[in-house]
Amino acid sequence: MESVYKVIEVIGTSTSSWEEAAKNAVETAAKSLSDIRVGEVKELDMRVENGKVTAYRAKVKISFKYNI
């Protein structure tokens, strides 16, 4: 059977690591999306305040099965 998938981008944040930020993005998206198939980290950055890293951010592309 053929399927159609939709791809969206979400940004997750964490105060501890990029890995945690990516995990937060996927797990939060999974609360409102069903049948997530792939998460792909597209970009990593961080917030800096007064010369110190205060947050890590991960932009993640998520694909999920599109149900009509």
N, C-alpha and C. Protein backbone atom coordinates (compact mmCIF):
# COMPACT_ATOMS: atom_id res chain seq x y z
N MET A 1 0.84 -1.17 0.00
CA MET A 1 0.00 0.00 0.00
C MET A 1 0.90 1.24 0.00
N GLU A 2 0.55 2.23 -0.81
CA GLU A 2 1.30 3.46 -0.89
C GLU A 2 0.88 4.41 0.22
N SER A 3 1.82 5.24 0.65
CA SER A 3 1.55 6.19 1.72
C SER A 3 2.04 7.57 1.33
N VAL A 4 1.51 8.57 2.01
CA VAL A 4 1.95 9.95 1.83
C VAL A 4 2.41 10.44 3.20
N TYR A 5 3.53 11.17 3.19
CA TYR A 5 4.08 11.69 4.43
C TYR A 5 4.19 13.21 4.35
N LYS A 6 3.98 13.84 5.46
CA LYS A 6 4.12 15.29 5.57
C LYS A 6 5.40 15.57 6.36
N VAL A 7 6.08 16.66 6.03
CA VAL A 7 7.30 17.05 6.73
C VAL A 7 7.11 18.45 7.30
N ILE A 8 7.42 18.59 8.59
CA ILE A 8 7.37 19.89 9.25
C ILE A 8 8.71 20.15 9.94
N GLU A 9 8.95 21.40 10.31
CA GLU A 9 10.13 21.74 11.11
C GLU A 9 9.68 22.25 12.46
N VAL A 10 10.35 21.77 13.48
CA VAL A 10 10.10 22.23 14.83
C VAL A 10 11.45 22.56 15.47
N ILE A 11 11.42 23.41 16.49
CA ILE A 11 12.64 23.76 17.20
C ILE A 11 12.47 23.38 18.66
N GLY A 12 13.38 22.55 19.14
CA GLY A 12 13.39 22.15 20.53
C GLY A 12 14.47 22.90 21.27
N THR A 13 14.27 23.10 22.57
CA THR A 13 15.27 23.80 23.39
C THR A 13 15.61 22.96 24.62
N SER A 14 16.79 23.24 25.16
CA SER A 14 17.24 22.58 26.37
C SER A 14 18.30 23.45 27.02
N THR A 15 18.41 23.40 28.31
CA THR A 15 19.48 24.11 29.00
C THR A 15 20.71 23.22 29.18
N SER A 16 20.60 21.94 28.78
CA SER A 16 21.72 21.02 29.03
C SER A 16 22.48 20.57 27.78
N SER A 17 21.78 20.33 26.63
CA SER A 17 22.51 19.81 25.46
C SER A 17 21.67 19.91 24.20
N TRP A 18 22.36 19.81 23.05
CA TRP A 18 21.66 19.76 21.77
C TRP A 18 20.87 18.47 21.63
N GLU A 19 21.42 17.38 22.15
CA GLU A 19 20.70 16.10 22.07
C GLU A 19 19.36 16.18 22.81
N GLU A 20 19.39 16.79 23.97
CA GLU A 20 18.16 16.95 24.75
C GLU A 20 17.19 17.89 24.03
N ALA A 21 17.71 18.93 23.38
CA ALA A 21 16.86 19.85 22.63
C ALA A 21 16.17 19.11 21.48
N ALA A 22 16.91 18.28 20.74
CA ALA A 22 16.32 17.51 19.64
C ALA A 22 15.28 16.53 20.16
N LYS A 23 15.59 15.88 21.26
CA LYS A 23 14.65 14.93 21.87
C LYS A 23 13.37 15.65 22.30
N ASN A 24 13.51 16.82 22.90
CA ASN A 24 12.34 17.59 23.32
C ASN A 24 11.48 17.99 22.13
N ALA A 25 12.11 18.34 21.00
CA ALA A 25 11.36 18.71 19.80
C ALA A 25 10.50 17.55 19.33
N VAL A 26 11.11 16.36 19.22
CA VAL A 26 10.38 15.20 18.71
C VAL A 26 9.30 14.75 19.69
N GLU A 27 9.64 14.66 20.96
CA GLU A 27 8.67 14.16 21.94
C GLU A 27 7.51 15.11 22.14
N THR A 28 7.75 16.40 22.04
CA THR A 28 6.65 17.36 22.14
C THR A 28 5.76 17.29 20.91
N ALA A 29 6.37 17.18 19.72
CA ALA A 29 5.58 17.06 18.49
C ALA A 29 4.75 15.78 18.51
N ALA A 30 5.28 14.72 19.10
CA ALA A 30 4.57 13.43 19.14
C ALA A 30 3.29 13.50 19.97
N LYS A 31 3.15 14.51 20.81
CA LYS A 31 1.93 14.64 21.60
C LYS A 31 0.74 15.04 20.73
N SER A 32 1.00 15.68 19.58
CA SER A 32 -0.12 16.09 18.73
C SER A 32 -0.05 15.48 17.32
N LEU A 33 1.03 14.79 16.99
CA LEU A 33 1.15 14.13 15.69
C LEU A 33 1.19 12.63 15.89
N SER A 34 0.61 11.91 14.97
CA SER A 34 0.67 10.46 15.09
C SER A 34 1.53 9.88 13.97
N ASP A 35 2.10 8.74 14.24
CA ASP A 35 2.86 7.97 13.26
C ASP A 35 4.09 8.73 12.74
N ILE A 36 4.84 9.35 13.66
CA ILE A 36 6.09 10.01 13.27
C ILE A 36 7.06 8.93 12.81
N ARG A 37 7.71 9.15 11.69
CA ARG A 37 8.61 8.15 11.12
C ARG A 37 10.08 8.54 11.23
N VAL A 38 10.42 9.81 10.99
CA VAL A 38 11.83 10.22 10.95
C VAL A 38 11.97 11.61 11.58
N GLY A 39 13.02 11.79 12.33
CA GLY A 39 13.42 13.10 12.81
C GLY A 39 14.83 13.37 12.30
N GLU A 40 15.03 14.50 11.65
CA GLU A 40 16.33 14.84 11.08
C GLU A 40 16.77 16.20 11.61
N VAL A 41 17.89 16.23 12.32
CA VAL A 41 18.41 17.49 12.84
C VAL A 41 18.99 18.28 11.68
N LYS A 42 18.47 19.48 11.47
CA LYS A 42 18.89 20.32 10.36
C LYS A 42 19.84 21.43 10.79
N GLU A 43 19.70 21.90 12.00
CA GLU A 43 20.50 23.04 12.43
C GLU A 43 20.62 23.05 13.95
N LEU A 44 21.79 23.41 14.44
CA LEU A 44 22.01 23.55 15.88
C LEU A 44 22.48 24.96 16.15
N ASP A 45 21.96 25.56 17.20
CA ASP A 45 22.48 26.86 17.64
C ASP A 45 22.29 26.97 19.14
N MET A 46 22.73 28.07 19.69
CA MET A 46 22.61 28.26 21.13
C MET A 46 22.34 29.72 21.44
N ARG A 47 21.72 29.93 22.56
CA ARG A 47 21.49 31.29 23.04
C ARG A 47 22.63 31.64 24.00
N VAL A 48 23.19 32.82 23.84
CA VAL A 48 24.30 33.27 24.67
C VAL A 48 23.90 34.56 25.37
N GLU A 49 24.09 34.61 26.66
CA GLU A 49 23.81 35.81 27.45
C GLU A 49 24.99 36.10 28.34
N ASN A 50 25.51 37.32 28.25
CA ASN A 50 26.67 37.73 29.06
C ASN A 50 27.85 36.78 28.89
N GLY A 51 28.03 36.31 27.66
CA GLY A 51 29.17 35.44 27.36
C GLY A 51 29.02 34.00 27.79
N LYS A 52 27.84 33.62 28.24
CA LYS A 52 27.61 32.25 28.69
C LYS A 52 26.45 31.63 27.91
N VAL A 53 26.60 30.34 27.60
CA VAL A 53 25.53 29.62 26.92
C VAL A 53 24.40 29.38 27.91
N THR A 54 23.20 29.83 27.53
CA THR A 54 22.05 29.66 28.42
C THR A 54 21.03 28.65 27.89
N ALA A 55 21.10 28.35 26.59
CA ALA A 55 20.16 27.37 26.02
C ALA A 55 20.70 26.83 24.71
N TYR A 56 20.43 25.56 24.49
CA TYR A 56 20.76 24.89 23.23
C TYR A 56 19.47 24.75 22.44
N ARG A 57 19.56 24.93 21.11
CA ARG A 57 18.38 24.79 20.26
C ARG A 57 18.69 23.87 19.10
N ALA A 58 17.72 23.02 18.76
CA ALA A 58 17.86 22.11 17.63
C ALA A 58 16.65 22.27 16.72
N LYS A 59 16.92 22.59 15.45
CA LYS A 59 15.85 22.64 14.45
C LYS A 59 15.77 21.24 13.84
N VAL A 60 14.58 20.64 13.93
CA VAL A 60 14.40 19.25 13.53
C VAL A 60 13.29 19.15 12.48
N LYS A 61 13.58 18.46 11.37
CA LYS A 61 12.55 18.13 10.39
C LYS A 61 11.93 16.80 10.82
N ILE A 62 10.62 16.77 10.90
CA ILE A 62 9.91 15.57 11.33
C ILE A 62 8.97 15.14 10.21
N SER A 63 9.03 13.86 9.87
CA SER A 63 8.07 13.36 8.87
C SER A 63 7.11 12.40 9.56
N PHE A 64 5.86 12.50 9.16
CA PHE A 64 4.83 11.65 9.73
C PHE A 64 3.82 11.28 8.66
N LYS A 65 3.15 10.18 8.88
CA LYS A 65 2.19 9.69 7.89
C LYS A 65 1.01 10.64 7.82
N TYR A 66 0.66 11.02 6.60
CA TYR A 66 -0.43 11.96 6.34
C TYR A 66 -1.70 11.16 6.14
N ASN A 67 -2.65 11.36 7.03
CA ASN A 67 -3.95 10.67 6.93
C ASN A 67 -5.00 11.64 6.41
N ILE A 68 -5.63 11.27 5.35
CA ILE A 68 -6.66 12.12 4.77
C ILE A 68 -8.01 11.74 5.31
